Amino acid sequence: MPQVTVKINGRPYELSCGAGEEEHLRELAEYVDEKVDAARQNAGSRSDGQLLVLASILIADELSDTLAKIEAEELTGDLPDGPGARQKTQISFLESAAVRIEALAVRLEAS
C-alpha cells in the first residue's frame, strides 16, 4: 500500500491509500486542511481535535446541502437519466467520500 504524507493544520500525517489513489488523497487532505483553516478562523484558538470536529461539521453540512439539492431535483423531475439514476450515482459518490473523510479523521486523531 502506498504511503502519502499530507499536512493538515501544519502537521504532517503519513497515510496509506490504494495504488493510484495518492493524488486523490492529497486533494482530499488539502480540502480538509482548508476546512480546518476556516474552522480556526471562525472559532479561534482550539485544539487540533476540536478543529477537526468543526471541519468535519463544515464538510457534513456541505454534504447535507448537496443531498438536499439532489432530493429536490428528484422530486421536481429534473434528472435526465430517469427517476433516481443520477441521484443514486451522486449519493454513492458522496457516501464514498464521507467514508474516506471519516477514515482520514480517525487516522488524524490517532496521530
PDB file of N, CA and C in Angstrom:
ATOM      1  N   MET A   1       0.837  -1.179   0.000  1.00  0.00           N
ATOM      2  CA  MET A   1       0.000   0.000   0.000  1.00  0.00           C
ATOM      3  C   MET A   1       0.881   1.241   0.000  1.00  0.00           C
ATOM      4  N   PRO A   2       0.613   2.162  -0.924  1.00  0.00           N
ATOM      5  CA  PRO A   2       1.403   3.390  -0.953  1.00  0.00           C
ATOM      6  C   PRO A   2       1.184   4.234   0.303  1.00  0.00           C
ATOM      7  N   GLN A   3       2.237   4.927   0.701  1.00  0.00           N
ATOM      8  CA  GLN A   3       2.177   5.854   1.827  1.00  0.00           C
ATOM      9  C   GLN A   3       2.260   7.273   1.281  1.00  0.00           C
ATOM     10  N   VAL A   4       1.431   8.159   1.805  1.00  0.00           N
ATOM     11  CA  VAL A   4       1.411   9.552   1.372  1.00  0.00           C
ATOM     12  C   VAL A   4       1.508  10.418   2.622  1.00  0.00           C
ATOM     13  N   THR A   5       2.386  11.413   2.573  1.00  0.00           N
ATOM     14  CA  THR A   5       2.479  12.375   3.668  1.00  0.00           C
ATOM     15  C   THR A   5       1.676  13.604   3.270  1.00  0.00           C
ATOM     16  N   VAL A   6       0.718  13.965   4.124  1.00  0.00           N
ATOM     17  CA  VAL A   6      -0.103  15.149   3.887  1.00  0.00           C
ATOM     18  C   VAL A   6       0.045  16.074   5.091  1.00  0.00           C
ATOM     19  N   LYS A   7      -0.297  17.333   4.896  1.00  0.00           N
ATOM     20  CA  LYS A   7      -0.267  18.290   6.010  1.00  0.00           C
ATOM     21  C   LYS A   7      -1.667  18.806   6.269  1.00  0.00           C
ATOM     22  N   ILE A   8      -2.043  18.711   7.522  1.00  0.00           N
ATOM     23  CA  ILE A   8      -3.323  19.251   7.971  1.00  0.00           C
ATOM     24  C   ILE A   8      -3.006  20.123   9.180  1.00  0.00           C
ATOM     25  N   ASN A   9      -3.427  21.368   9.105  1.00  0.00           N
ATOM     26  CA  ASN A   9      -3.183  22.311  10.194  1.00  0.00           C
ATOM     27  C   ASN A   9      -1.679  22.415  10.502  1.00  0.00           C
ATOM     28  N   GLY A  10      -0.868  22.332   9.448  1.00  0.00           N
ATOM     29  CA  GLY A  10       0.572  22.494   9.598  1.00  0.00           C
ATOM     30  C   GLY A  10       1.300  21.269  10.112  1.00  0.00           C
ATOM     31  N   ARG A  11       0.586  20.184  10.358  1.00  0.00           N
ATOM     32  CA  ARG A  11       1.203  18.968  10.875  1.00  0.00           C
ATOM     33  C   ARG A  11       1.230  17.892   9.801  1.00  0.00           C
ATOM     34  N   PRO A  12       2.351  17.206   9.676  1.00  0.00           N
ATOM     35  CA  PRO A  12       2.416  16.129   8.679  1.00  0.00           C
ATOM     36  C   PRO A  12       1.776  14.845   9.209  1.00  0.00           C
ATOM     37  N   TYR A  13       1.092  14.145   8.308  1.00  0.00           N
ATOM     38  CA  TYR A  13       0.469  12.865   8.630  1.00  0.00           C
ATOM     39  C   TYR A  13       0.814  11.878   7.524  1.00  0.00           C
ATOM     40  N   GLU A  14       1.269  10.709   7.927  1.00  0.00           N
ATOM     41  CA  GLU A  14       1.589   9.638   6.987  1.00  0.00           C
ATOM     42  C   GLU A  14       0.363   8.744   6.881  1.00  0.00           C
ATOM     43  N   LEU A  15      -0.213   8.666   5.665  1.00  0.00           N
ATOM     44  CA  LEU A  15      -1.435   7.906   5.458  1.00  0.00           C
ATOM     45  C   LEU A  15      -1.228   6.852   4.377  1.00  0.00           C
ATOM     46  N   SER A  16      -1.952   5.760   4.483  1.00  0.00           N
ATOM     47  CA  SER A  16      -1.933   4.711   3.473  1.00  0.00           C
ATOM     48  C   SER A  16      -3.118   4.904   2.537  1.00  0.00           C
ATOM     49  N   CYS A  17      -2.936   4.465   1.300  1.00  0.00           N
ATOM     50  CA  CYS A  17      -4.042   4.514   0.354  1.00  0.00           C
ATOM     51  C   CYS A  17      -3.834   3.420  -0.677  1.00  0.00           C
ATOM     52  N   GLY A  18      -4.826   3.212  -1.499  1.00  0.00           N
ATOM     53  CA  GLY A  18      -4.722   2.229  -2.565  1.00  0.00           C
ATOM     54  C   GLY A  18      -3.800   2.719  -3.664  1.00  0.00           C
ATOM     55  N   ALA A  19      -3.257   1.793  -4.409  1.00  0.00           N
ATOM     56  CA  ALA A  19      -2.392   2.147  -5.524  1.00  0.00           C
ATOM     57  C   ALA A  19      -3.147   3.036  -6.504  1.00  0.00           C
ATOM     58  N   GLY A  20      -2.529   4.119  -6.901  1.00  0.00           N
ATOM     59  CA  GLY A  20      -3.136   5.052  -7.837  1.00  0.00           C
ATOM     60  C   GLY A  20      -4.026   6.096  -7.195  1.00  0.00           C
ATOM     61  N   GLU A  21      -4.227   6.013  -5.880  1.00  0.00           N
ATOM     62  CA  GLU A  21      -5.102   6.966  -5.186  1.00  0.00           C
ATOM     63  C   GLU A  21      -4.322   8.079  -4.485  1.00  0.00           C
ATOM     64  N   GLU A  22      -3.021   8.122  -4.692  1.00  0.00           N
ATOM     65  CA  GLU A  22      -2.176   9.078  -3.968  1.00  0.00           C
ATOM     66  C   GLU A  22      -2.600  10.529  -4.210  1.00  0.00           C
ATOM     67  N   GLU A  23      -2.787  10.890  -5.468  1.00  0.00           N
ATOM     68  CA  GLU A  23      -3.148  12.276  -5.778  1.00  0.00           C
ATOM     69  C   GLU A  23      -4.523  12.623  -5.218  1.00  0.00           C
ATOM     70  N   HIS A  24      -5.442  11.688  -5.303  1.00  0.00           N
ATOM     71  CA  HIS A  24      -6.780  11.921  -4.756  1.00  0.00           C
ATOM     72  C   HIS A  24      -6.712  12.144  -3.244  1.00  0.00           C
ATOM     73  N   LEU A  25      -5.894  11.351  -2.559  1.00  0.00           N
ATOM     74  CA  LEU A  25      -5.732  11.512  -1.118  1.00  0.00           C
ATOM     75  C   LEU A  25      -5.139  12.880  -0.803  1.00  0.00           C
ATOM     76  N   ARG A  26      -4.160  13.309  -1.592  1.00  0.00           N
ATOM     77  CA  ARG A  26      -3.566  14.640  -1.378  1.00  0.00           C
ATOM     78  C   ARG A  26      -4.626  15.731  -1.557  1.00  0.00           C
ATOM     79  N   GLU A  27      -5.464  15.586  -2.573  1.00  0.00           N
ATOM     80  CA  GLU A  27      -6.531  16.571  -2.814  1.00  0.00           C
ATOM     81  C   GLU A  27      -7.529  16.593  -1.662  1.00  0.00           C
ATOM     82  N   LEU A  28      -7.897  15.418  -1.176  1.00  0.00           N
ATOM     83  CA  LEU A  28      -8.821  15.358  -0.033  1.00  0.00           C
ATOM     84  C   LEU A  28      -8.207  16.010   1.201  1.00  0.00           C
ATOM     85  N   ALA A  29      -6.927  15.731   1.437  1.00  0.00           N
ATOM     86  CA  ALA A  29      -6.244  16.311   2.594  1.00  0.00           C
ATOM     87  C   ALA A  29      -6.171  17.826   2.465  1.00  0.00           C
ATOM     88  N   GLU A  30      -5.925  18.314   1.266  1.00  0.00           N
ATOM     89  CA  GLU A  30      -5.883  19.759   1.044  1.00  0.00           C
ATOM     90  C   GLU A  30      -7.255  20.375   1.332  1.00  0.00           C
ATOM     91  N   TYR A  31      -8.307  19.699   0.909  1.00  0.00           N
ATOM     92  CA  TYR A  31      -9.668  20.170   1.157  1.00  0.00           C
ATOM     93  C   TYR A  31      -9.954  20.195   2.662  1.00  0.00           C
ATOM     94  N   VAL A  32      -9.587  19.125   3.359  1.00  0.00           N
ATOM     95  CA  VAL A  32      -9.784  19.073   4.814  1.00  0.00           C
ATOM     96  C   VAL A  32      -8.975  20.180   5.489  1.00  0.00           C
ATOM     97  N   ASP A  33      -7.747  20.396   5.032  1.00  0.00           N
ATOM     98  CA  ASP A  33      -6.905  21.444   5.603  1.00  0.00           C
ATOM     99  C   ASP A  33      -7.560  22.813   5.434  1.00  0.00           C
ATOM    100  N   GLU A  34      -8.178  23.048   4.281  1.00  0.00           N
ATOM    101  CA  GLU A  34      -8.892  24.309   4.064  1.00  0.00           C
ATOM    102  C   GLU A  34     -10.043  24.455   5.052  1.00  0.00           C
ATOM    103  N   LYS A  35     -10.753  23.373   5.297  1.00  0.00           N
ATOM    104  CA  LYS A  35     -11.875  23.418   6.239  1.00  0.00           C
ATOM    105  C   LYS A  35     -11.376  23.621   7.674  1.00  0.00           C
ATOM    106  N   VAL A  36     -10.253  23.007   8.023  1.00  0.00           N
ATOM    107  CA  VAL A  36      -9.663  23.214   9.355  1.00  0.00           C
ATOM    108  C   VAL A  36      -9.265  24.675   9.500  1.00  0.00           C
ATOM    109  N   ASP A  37      -8.683  25.246   8.449  1.00  0.00           N
ATOM    110  CA  ASP A  37      -8.293  26.652   8.478  1.00  0.00           C
ATOM    111  C   ASP A  37      -9.520  27.549   8.658  1.00  0.00           C
ATOM    112  N   ALA A  38     -10.595  27.235   7.940  1.00  0.00           N
ATOM    113  CA  ALA A  38     -11.835  28.007   8.081  1.00  0.00           C
ATOM    114  C   ALA A  38     -12.395  27.879   9.495  1.00  0.00           C
ATOM    115  N   ALA A  39     -12.335  26.678  10.055  1.00  0.00           N
ATOM    116  CA  ALA A  39     -12.816  26.463  11.426  1.00  0.00           C
ATOM    117  C   ALA A  39     -11.976  27.268  12.411  1.00  0.00           C
ATOM    118  N   ARG A  40     -10.655  27.286  12.195  1.00  0.00           N
ATOM    119  CA  ARG A  40      -9.766  28.040  13.095  1.00  0.00           C
ATOM    120  C   ARG A  40     -10.067  29.536  13.003  1.00  0.00           C
ATOM    121  N   GLN A  41     -10.323  30.031  11.797  1.00  0.00           N
ATOM    122  CA  GLN A  41     -10.626  31.451  11.617  1.00  0.00           C
ATOM    123  C   GLN A  41     -11.939  31.830  12.295  1.00  0.00           C
ATOM    124  N   ASN A  42     -12.907  30.916  12.253  1.00  0.00           N
ATOM    125  CA  ASN A  42     -14.219  31.195  12.846  1.00  0.00           C
ATOM    126  C   ASN A  42     -14.265  30.938  14.346  1.00  0.00           C
ATOM    127  N   ALA A  43     -13.500  29.960  14.816  1.00  0.00           N
ATOM    128  CA  ALA A  43     -13.613  29.537  16.214  1.00  0.00           C
ATOM    129  C   ALA A  43     -12.436  29.979  17.073  1.00  0.00           C
ATOM    130  N   GLY A  44     -11.422  30.550  16.460  1.00  0.00           N
ATOM    131  CA  GLY A  44     -10.267  30.991  17.243  1.00  0.00           C
ATOM    132  C   GLY A  44      -9.380  29.828  17.644  1.00  0.00           C
ATOM    133  N   SER A  45      -8.661  30.027  18.710  1.00  0.00           N
ATOM    134  CA  SER A  45      -7.685  29.044  19.170  1.00  0.00           C
ATOM    135  C   SER A  45      -8.381  27.833  19.779  1.00  0.00           C
ATOM    136  N   ARG A  46      -8.202  26.693  19.153  1.00  0.00           N
ATOM    137  CA  ARG A  46      -8.782  25.427  19.616  1.00  0.00           C
ATOM    138  C   ARG A  46      -7.739  24.341  19.470  1.00  0.00           C
ATOM    139  N   SER A  47      -7.991  23.216  20.115  1.00  0.00           N
ATOM    140  CA  SER A  47      -7.091  22.070  19.958  1.00  0.00           C
ATOM    141  C   SER A  47      -7.270  21.486  18.563  1.00  0.00           C
ATOM    142  N   ASP A  48      -6.291  20.681  18.148  1.00  0.00           N
ATOM    143  CA  ASP A  48      -6.394  20.028  16.844  1.00  0.00           C
ATOM    144  C   ASP A  48      -7.662  19.188  16.752  1.00  0.00           C
ATOM    145  N   GLY A  49      -7.989  18.474  17.824  1.00  0.00           N
ATOM    146  CA  GLY A  49      -9.186  17.642  17.829  1.00  0.00           C
ATOM    147  C   GLY A  49     -10.455  18.462  17.648  1.00  0.00           C
ATOM    148  N   GLN A  50     -10.541  19.590  18.335  1.00  0.00           N
ATOM    149  CA  GLN A  50     -11.719  20.443  18.212  1.00  0.00           C
ATOM    150  C   GLN A  50     -11.820  21.034  16.811  1.00  0.00           C
ATOM    151  N   LEU A  51     -10.672  21.443  16.251  1.00  0.00           N
ATOM    152  CA  LEU A  51     -10.685  21.971  14.884  1.00  0.00           C
ATOM    153  C   LEU A  51     -11.111  20.908  13.890  1.00  0.00           C
ATOM    154  N   LEU A  52     -10.659  19.684  14.115  1.00  0.00           N
ATOM    155  CA  LEU A  52     -11.032  18.588  13.223  1.00  0.00           C
ATOM    156  C   LEU A  52     -12.533  18.323  13.303  1.00  0.00           C
ATOM    157  N   VAL A  53     -13.090  18.367  14.496  1.00  0.00           N
ATOM    158  CA  VAL A  53     -14.541  18.181  14.646  1.00  0.00           C
ATOM    159  C   VAL A  53     -15.286  19.303  13.934  1.00  0.00           C
ATOM    160  N   LEU A  54     -14.855  20.539  14.116  1.00  0.00           N
ATOM    161  CA  LEU A  54     -15.517  21.663  13.450  1.00  0.00           C
ATOM    162  C   LEU A  54     -15.399  21.546  11.933  1.00  0.00           C
ATOM    163  N   ALA A  55     -14.226  21.160  11.431  1.00  0.00           N
ATOM    164  CA  ALA A  55     -14.045  20.980   9.992  1.00  0.00           C
ATOM    165  C   ALA A  55     -14.955  19.868   9.488  1.00  0.00           C
ATOM    166  N   SER A  56     -15.078  18.795  10.254  1.00  0.00           N
ATOM    167  CA  SER A  56     -15.952  17.686   9.868  1.00  0.00           C
ATOM    168  C   SER A  56     -17.408  18.142   9.784  1.00  0.00           C
ATOM    169  N   ILE A  57     -17.802  18.993  10.706  1.00  0.00           N
ATOM    170  CA  ILE A  57     -19.171  19.532  10.694  1.00  0.00           C
ATOM    171  C   ILE A  57     -19.382  20.382   9.438  1.00  0.00           C
ATOM    172  N   LEU A  58     -18.391  21.200   9.080  1.00  0.00           N
ATOM    173  CA  LEU A  58     -18.499  22.011   7.863  1.00  0.00           C
ATOM    174  C   LEU A  58     -18.645  21.121   6.625  1.00  0.00           C
ATOM    175  N   ILE A  59     -17.852  20.063   6.563  1.00  0.00           N
ATOM    176  CA  ILE A  59     -17.920  19.139   5.430  1.00  0.00           C
ATOM    177  C   ILE A  59     -19.261  18.405   5.424  1.00  0.00           C
ATOM    178  N   ALA A  60     -19.726  17.975   6.580  1.00  0.00           N
ATOM    179  CA  ALA A  60     -21.018  17.290   6.677  1.00  0.00           C
ATOM    180  C   ALA A  60     -22.150  18.225   6.243  1.00  0.00           C
ATOM    181  N   ASP A  61     -22.036  19.504   6.572  1.00  0.00           N
ATOM    182  CA  ASP A  61     -23.041  20.481   6.167  1.00  0.00           C
ATOM    183  C   ASP A  61     -23.079  20.611   4.649  1.00  0.00           C
ATOM    184  N   GLU A  62     -21.901  20.628   4.026  1.00  0.00           N
ATOM    185  CA  GLU A  62     -21.842  20.682   2.564  1.00  0.00           C
ATOM    186  C   GLU A  62     -22.487  19.434   1.947  1.00  0.00           C
ATOM    187  N   LEU A  63     -22.186  18.272   2.516  1.00  0.00           N
ATOM    188  CA  LEU A  63     -22.793  17.035   2.022  1.00  0.00           C
ATOM    189  C   LEU A  63     -24.312  17.080   2.171  1.00  0.00           C
ATOM    190  N   SER A  64     -24.772  17.575   3.301  1.00  0.00           N
ATOM    191  CA  SER A  64     -26.207  17.673   3.555  1.00  0.00           C
ATOM    192  C   SER A  64     -26.874  18.581   2.528  1.00  0.00           C
ATOM    193  N   ASP A  65     -26.256  19.739   2.254  1.00  0.00           N
ATOM    194  CA  ASP A  65     -26.804  20.656   1.254  1.00  0.00           C
ATOM    195  C   ASP A  65     -26.863  19.992  -0.118  1.00  0.00           C
ATOM    196  N   THR A  66     -25.798  19.276  -0.468  1.00  0.00           N
ATOM    197  CA  THR A  66     -25.744  18.602  -1.766  1.00  0.00           C
ATOM    198  C   THR A  66     -26.832  17.546  -1.871  1.00  0.00           C
ATOM    199  N   LEU A  67     -26.988  16.756  -0.815  1.00  0.00           N
ATOM    200  CA  LEU A  67     -28.025  15.725  -0.825  1.00  0.00           C
ATOM    201  C   LEU A  67     -29.418  16.340  -0.911  1.00  0.00           C
ATOM    202  N   ALA A  68     -29.634  17.468  -0.237  1.00  0.00           N
ATOM    203  CA  ALA A  68     -30.928  18.142  -0.303  1.00  0.00           C
ATOM    204  C   ALA A  68     -31.203  18.628  -1.723  1.00  0.00           C
ATOM    205  N   LYS A  69     -30.187  19.135  -2.398  1.00  0.00           N
ATOM    206  CA  LYS A  69     -30.366  19.586  -3.783  1.00  0.00           C
ATOM    207  C   LYS A  69     -30.690  18.402  -4.692  1.00  0.00           C
ATOM    208  N   ILE A  70     -29.999  17.294  -4.477  1.00  0.00           N
ATOM    209  CA  ILE A  70     -30.267  16.094  -5.278  1.00  0.00           C
ATOM    210  C   ILE A  70     -31.707  15.633  -5.057  1.00  0.00           C
ATOM    211  N   GLU A  71     -32.134  15.648  -3.801  1.00  0.00           N
ATOM    212  CA  GLU A  71     -33.502  15.245  -3.471  1.00  0.00           C
ATOM    213  C   GLU A  71     -34.511  16.167  -4.144  1.00  0.00           C
ATOM    214  N   ALA A  72     -34.239  17.470  -4.134  1.00  0.00           N
ATOM    215  CA  ALA A  72     -35.143  18.429  -4.766  1.00  0.00           C
ATOM    216  C   ALA A  72     -35.208  18.182  -6.271  1.00  0.00           C
ATOM    217  N   GLU A  73     -34.058  17.876  -6.887  1.00  0.00           N
ATOM    218  CA  GLU A  73     -34.057  17.566  -8.318  1.00  0.00           C
ATOM    219  C   GLU A  73     -34.895  16.323  -8.601  1.00  0.00           C
ATOM    220  N   GLU A  74     -34.758  15.339  -7.730  1.00  0.00           N
ATOM    221  CA  GLU A  74     -35.518  14.100  -7.908  1.00  0.00           C
ATOM    222  C   GLU A  74     -37.018  14.380  -7.817  1.00  0.00           C
ATOM    223  N   LEU A  75     -37.420  15.200  -6.854  1.00  0.00           N
ATOM    224  CA  LEU A  75     -38.838  15.495  -6.656  1.00  0.00           C
ATOM    225  C   LEU A  75     -39.417  16.317  -7.796  1.00  0.00           C
ATOM    226  N   THR A  76     -38.605  17.186  -8.385  1.00  0.00           N
ATOM    227  CA  THR A  76     -39.111  18.027  -9.472  1.00  0.00           C
ATOM    228  C   THR A  76     -38.920  17.390 -10.837  1.00  0.00           C
ATOM    229  N   GLY A  77     -38.298  16.210 -10.861  1.00  0.00           N
ATOM    230  CA  GLY A  77     -38.117  15.508 -12.119  1.00  0.00           C
ATOM    231  C   GLY A  77     -37.042  16.097 -13.006  1.00  0.00           C
ATOM    232  N   ASP A  78     -36.084  16.822 -12.452  1.00  0.00           N
ATOM    233  CA  ASP A  78     -35.030  17.455 -13.240  1.00  0.00           C
ATOM    234  C   ASP A  78     -33.882  16.521 -13.595  1.00  0.00           C
ATOM    235  N   LEU A  79     -33.983  15.267 -13.260  1.00  0.00           N
ATOM    236  CA  LEU A  79     -32.897  14.329 -13.550  1.00  0.00           C
ATOM    237  C   LEU A  79     -33.075  13.747 -14.945  1.00  0.00           C
ATOM    238  N   PRO A  80     -32.041  13.824 -15.789  1.00  0.00           N
ATOM    239  CA  PRO A  80     -32.178  13.402 -17.172  1.00  0.00           C
ATOM    240  C   PRO A  80     -32.147  11.892 -17.395  1.00  0.00           C
ATOM    241  N   ASP A  81     -31.566  11.120 -16.518  1.00  0.00           N
ATOM    242  CA  ASP A  81     -31.344   9.694 -16.762  1.00  0.00           C
ATOM    243  C   ASP A  81     -32.423   8.811 -16.160  1.00  0.00           C
ATOM    244  N   GLY A  82     -33.581   9.310 -15.995  1.00  0.00           N
ATOM    245  CA  GLY A  82     -34.647   8.511 -15.408  1.00  0.00           C
ATOM    246  C   GLY A  82     -34.692   8.728 -13.904  1.00  0.00           C
ATOM    247  N   PRO A  83     -35.822   8.439 -13.316  1.00  0.00           N
ATOM    248  CA  PRO A  83     -36.001   8.686 -11.892  1.00  0.00           C
ATOM    249  C   PRO A  83     -34.978   7.935 -11.046  1.00  0.00           C
ATOM    250  N   GLY A  84     -34.206   8.673 -10.304  1.00  0.00           N
ATOM    251  CA  GLY A  84     -33.298   8.077  -9.340  1.00  0.00           C
ATOM    252  C   GLY A  84     -31.929   7.683  -9.853  1.00  0.00           C
ATOM    253  N   ALA A  85     -31.706   7.611 -11.158  1.00  0.00           N
ATOM    254  CA  ALA A  85     -30.420   7.120 -11.670  1.00  0.00           C
ATOM    255  C   ALA A  85     -29.273   8.032 -11.275  1.00  0.00           C
ATOM    256  N   ARG A  86     -29.404   9.301 -11.580  1.00  0.00           N
ATOM    257  CA  ARG A  86     -28.334  10.251 -11.239  1.00  0.00           C
ATOM    258  C   ARG A  86     -28.217  10.398  -9.729  1.00  0.00           C
ATOM    259  N   GLN A  87     -29.332  10.419  -9.056  1.00  0.00           N
ATOM    260  CA  GLN A  87     -29.322  10.562  -7.608  1.00  0.00           C
ATOM    261  C   GLN A  87     -28.555   9.417  -6.955  1.00  0.00           C
ATOM    262  N   LYS A  88     -28.804   8.207  -7.394  1.00  0.00           N
ATOM    263  CA  LYS A  88     -28.112   7.055  -6.818  1.00  0.00           C
ATOM    264  C   LYS A  88     -26.609   7.146  -7.042  1.00  0.00           C
ATOM    265  N   THR A  89     -26.219   7.586  -8.228  1.00  0.00           N
ATOM    266  CA  THR A  89     -24.796   7.742  -8.529  1.00  0.00           C
ATOM    267  C   THR A  89     -24.177   8.804  -7.635  1.00  0.00           C
ATOM    268  N   GLN A  90     -24.840   9.941  -7.506  1.00  0.00           N
ATOM    269  CA  GLN A  90     -24.303  11.024  -6.688  1.00  0.00           C
ATOM    270  C   GLN A  90     -24.277  10.649  -5.213  1.00  0.00           C
ATOM    271  N   ILE A  91     -25.308  10.013  -4.744  1.00  0.00           N
ATOM    272  CA  ILE A  91     -25.334   9.594  -3.340  1.00  0.00           C
ATOM    273  C   ILE A  91     -24.231   8.587  -3.079  1.00  0.00           C
ATOM    274  N   SER A  92     -24.039   7.658  -3.989  1.00  0.00           N
ATOM    275  CA  SER A  92     -22.968   6.680  -3.840  1.00  0.00           C
ATOM    276  C   SER A  92     -21.619   7.372  -3.764  1.00  0.00           C
ATOM    277  N   PHE A  93     -21.397   8.355  -4.643  1.00  0.00           N
ATOM    278  CA  PHE A  93     -20.144   9.110  -4.622  1.00  0.00           C
ATOM    279  C   PHE A  93     -19.974   9.845  -3.302  1.00  0.00           C
ATOM    280  N   LEU A  94     -21.018  10.517  -2.852  1.00  0.00           N
ATOM    281  CA  LEU A  94     -20.938  11.281  -1.602  1.00  0.00           C
ATOM    282  C   LEU A  94     -20.730  10.364  -0.398  1.00  0.00           C
ATOM    283  N   GLU A  95     -21.397   9.225  -0.394  1.00  0.00           N
ATOM    284  CA  GLU A  95     -21.201   8.281   0.705  1.00  0.00           C
ATOM    285  C   GLU A  95     -19.767   7.764   0.719  1.00  0.00           C
ATOM    286  N   SER A  96     -19.224   7.493  -0.450  1.00  0.00           N
ATOM    287  CA  SER A  96     -17.833   7.048  -0.551  1.00  0.00           C
ATOM    288  C   SER A  96     -16.888   8.128  -0.036  1.00  0.00           C
ATOM    289  N   ALA A  97     -17.150   9.373  -0.417  1.00  0.00           N
ATOM    290  CA  ALA A  97     -16.322  10.483   0.067  1.00  0.00           C
ATOM    291  C   ALA A  97     -16.436  10.624   1.575  1.00  0.00           C
ATOM    292  N   ALA A  98     -17.636  10.464   2.111  1.00  0.00           N
ATOM    293  CA  ALA A  98     -17.832  10.574   3.556  1.00  0.00           C
ATOM    294  C   ALA A  98     -17.060   9.488   4.303  1.00  0.00           C
ATOM    295  N   VAL A  99     -17.068   8.273   3.761  1.00  0.00           N
ATOM    296  CA  VAL A  99     -16.327   7.168   4.382  1.00  0.00           C
ATOM    297  C   VAL A  99     -14.839   7.489   4.395  1.00  0.00           C
ATOM    298  N   ARG A 100     -14.335   8.001   3.282  1.00  0.00           N
ATOM    299  CA  ARG A 100     -12.916   8.358   3.208  1.00  0.00           C
ATOM    300  C   ARG A 100     -12.564   9.468   4.182  1.00  0.00           C
ATOM    301  N   ILE A 101     -13.434  10.463   4.286  1.00  0.00           N
ATOM    302  CA  ILE A 101     -13.193  11.571   5.219  1.00  0.00           C
ATOM    303  C   ILE A 101     -13.196  11.057   6.655  1.00  0.00           C
ATOM    304  N   GLU A 102     -14.139  10.187   6.985  1.00  0.00           N
ATOM    305  CA  GLU A 102     -14.190   9.620   8.336  1.00  0.00           C
ATOM    306  C   GLU A 102     -12.924   8.816   8.632  1.00  0.00           C
ATOM    307  N   ALA A 103     -12.454   8.047   7.658  1.00  0.00           N
ATOM    308  CA  ALA A 103     -11.229   7.265   7.859  1.00  0.00           C
ATOM    309  C   ALA A 103     -10.031   8.190   8.065  1.00  0.00           C
ATOM    310  N   LEU A 104      -9.997   9.273   7.302  1.00  0.00           N
ATOM    311  CA  LEU A 104      -8.917  10.242   7.459  1.00  0.00           C
ATOM    312  C   LEU A 104      -8.986  10.883   8.839  1.00  0.00           C
ATOM    313  N   ALA A 105     -10.174  11.202   9.304  1.00  0.00           N
ATOM    314  CA  ALA A 105     -10.331  11.792  10.633  1.00  0.00           C
ATOM    315  C   ALA A 105      -9.835  10.845  11.720  1.00  0.00           C
ATOM    316  N   VAL A 106     -10.153   9.575  11.580  1.00  0.00           N
ATOM    317  CA  VAL A 106      -9.701   8.576  12.555  1.00  0.00           C
ATOM    318  C   VAL A 106      -8.175   8.522  12.578  1.00  0.00           C
ATOM    319  N   ARG A 107      -7.579   8.520  11.393  1.00  0.00           N
ATOM    320  CA  ARG A 107      -6.113   8.482  11.302  1.00  0.00           C
ATOM    321  C   ARG A 107      -5.493   9.735  11.901  1.00  0.00           C
ATOM    322  N   LEU A 108      -6.105  10.878  11.658  1.00  0.00           N
ATOM    323  CA  LEU A 108      -5.578  12.138  12.202  1.00  0.00           C
ATOM    324  C   LEU A 108      -5.678  12.145  13.715  1.00  0.00           C
ATOM    325  N   GLU A 109      -6.780  11.675  14.237  1.00  0.00           N
ATOM    326  CA  GLU A 109      -6.961  11.632  15.691  1.00  0.00           C
ATOM    327  C   GLU A 109      -5.969  10.674  16.339  1.00  0.00           C
ATOM    328  N   ALA A 110      -5.628   9.581  15.643  1.00  0.00           N
ATOM    329  CA  ALA A 110      -4.704   8.595  16.188  1.00  0.00           C
ATOM    330  C   ALA A 110      -3.260   9.082  16.182  1.00  0.00           C
ATOM    331  N   SER A 111      -2.964  10.070  15.334  1.00  0.00           N
ATOM    332  CA  SER A 111      -1.585  10.567  15.228  1.00  0.00           C
ATOM    333  C   SER A 111      -1.227  11.495  16.366  1.00  0.00           C
TER     334      SER A 111
END
